C-alpha atoms as a PDB file:
ATOM      1  CA  MET A   1     145.975 201.626 116.426  1.00  0.00           C
ATOM      2  CA  ALA A   2     142.694 202.645 114.883  1.00  0.00           C
ATOM      3  CA  MET A   3     139.688 200.218 114.987  1.00  0.00           C
ATOM      4  CA  ASN A   4     137.417 199.778 112.219  1.00  0.00           C
ATOM      5  CA  GLY A   5     133.422 199.996 112.625  1.00  0.00           C
ATOM      6  CA  PHE A   6     133.385 196.230 112.899  1.00  0.00           C
ATOM      7  CA  GLU A   7     135.789 195.819 115.622  1.00  0.00           C
ATOM      8  CA  TRP A   8     134.170 198.657 117.737  1.00  0.00           C
ATOM      9  CA  PHE A   9     130.794 197.125 117.329  1.00  0.00           C
ATOM     10  CA  ALA A  10     132.016 193.826 118.268  1.00  0.00           C
ATOM     11  CA  LEU A  11     133.684 195.335 121.380  1.00  0.00           C
ATOM     12  CA  VAL A  12     130.699 197.128 122.520  1.00  0.00           C
ATOM     13  CA  GLY A  13     128.438 194.117 121.713  1.00  0.00           C
ATOM     14  CA  LEU A  14     130.639 192.213 124.057  1.00  0.00           C
ATOM     15  CA  MET A  15     131.039 194.738 126.725  1.00  0.00           C
ATOM     16  CA  ILE A  16     127.179 195.396 127.169  1.00  0.00           C
ATOM     17  CA  PRO A  17     126.225 191.869 128.149  1.00  0.00           C
ATOM     18  CA  LEU A  18     129.190 191.658 130.457  1.00  0.00           C
ATOM     19  CA  VAL A  19     128.594 194.985 132.073  1.00  0.00           C
ATOM     20  CA  THR A  20     125.102 194.271 132.528  1.00  0.00           C
ATOM     21  CA  LEU A  21     125.794 190.787 134.188  1.00  0.00           C
ATOM     22  CA  VAL A  22     128.184 192.187 136.664  1.00  0.00           C
ATOM     23  CA  VAL A  23     125.911 195.217 137.636  1.00  0.00           C
ATOM     24  CA  GLY A  24     123.105 192.720 137.955  1.00  0.00           C
ATOM     25  CA  LEU A  25     124.931 190.439 140.251  1.00  0.00           C
ATOM     26  CA  ILE A  26     126.162 193.354 142.517  1.00  0.00           C
ATOM     27  CA  VAL A  27     122.371 194.492 142.751  1.00  0.00           C
ATOM     28  CA  ALA A  28     121.054 190.973 143.404  1.00  0.00           C
ATOM     29  CA  TYR A  29     123.920 190.620 146.159  1.00  0.00           C
ATOM     30  CA  PHE A  30     122.684 193.638 147.998  1.00  0.00           C
ATOM     31  CA  VAL A  31     118.924 192.915 147.561  1.00  0.00           C
ATOM     32  CA  ILE A  32     119.554 189.289 149.065  1.00  0.00           C
ATOM     33  CA  ARG A  33     121.634 190.661 151.571  1.00  0.00           C
ATOM     34  CA  MET A  34     118.977 193.319 152.829  1.00  0.00           C
ATOM     35  CA  ALA A  35     116.230 190.642 152.501  1.00  0.00           C
ATOM     36  CA  VAL A  36     118.203 188.201 154.747  1.00  0.00           C
ATOM     37  CA  ARG A  37     118.915 190.984 157.329  1.00  0.00           C
ATOM     38  CA  ASP A  38     115.210 191.789 157.315  1.00  0.00           C
ATOM     39  CA  GLY A  39     114.330 188.166 157.759  1.00  0.00           C
ATOM     40  CA  MET A  40     116.827 187.681 160.781  1.00  0.00           C
ATOM     41  CA  ARG A  41     115.098 190.934 162.275  1.00  0.00           C
ATOM     42  CA  GLU A  42     111.800 189.314 161.990  1.00  0.00           C
ATOM     43  CA  ALA A  43     112.752 186.014 163.076  1.00  0.00           C
ATOM     44  CA  LEU A  44     114.249 187.710 166.195  1.00  0.00           C
ATOM     45  CA  ARG A  45     111.005 189.073 167.052  1.00  0.00           C
ATOM     46  CA  ASP A  46     109.592 185.637 167.274  1.00  0.00           C
ATOM     47  CA  ASP A  47     110.526 184.057 170.719  1.00  0.00           C
ATOM     48  CA  SER A  48     110.346 180.376 169.651  1.00  0.00           C
ATOM     49  CA  LEU A  49     113.362 181.065 167.418  1.00  0.00           C
ATOM     50  CA  ARG A  50     115.359 182.892 170.041  1.00  0.00           C
ATOM     51  CA  SER A  51     116.425 179.962 171.951  1.00  0.00           C
ATOM     52  CA  HIS A  52     117.695 178.206 168.699  1.00  0.00           C
ATOM     53  CA  LEU A  53     120.027 180.927 167.867  1.00  0.00           C
ATOM     54  CA  PRO A  54     123.721 181.427 169.366  1.00  0.00           C
ATOM     55  CA  PRO A  55     124.168 184.549 171.441  1.00  0.00           C
ATOM     56  CA  ARG A  56     126.428 186.066 169.049  1.00  0.00           C
ATOM     57  CA  VAL A  57     123.645 186.472 166.382  1.00  0.00           C
ATOM     58  CA  LEU A  58     121.387 188.254 168.944  1.00  0.00           C
END
């Protein structure tokens, strides 16, 4: 089944935004996860928060 130029252009035109969206969501997930982990590490240095966290977090 051969695709003409318009079908190929439409397929690529739809795939580029979808791939960009998926890659962006994956990158955002890892960036947010690293930020949360760094934030927890920073919070654990502060002794005032240590008493409010459950023991399994420490």
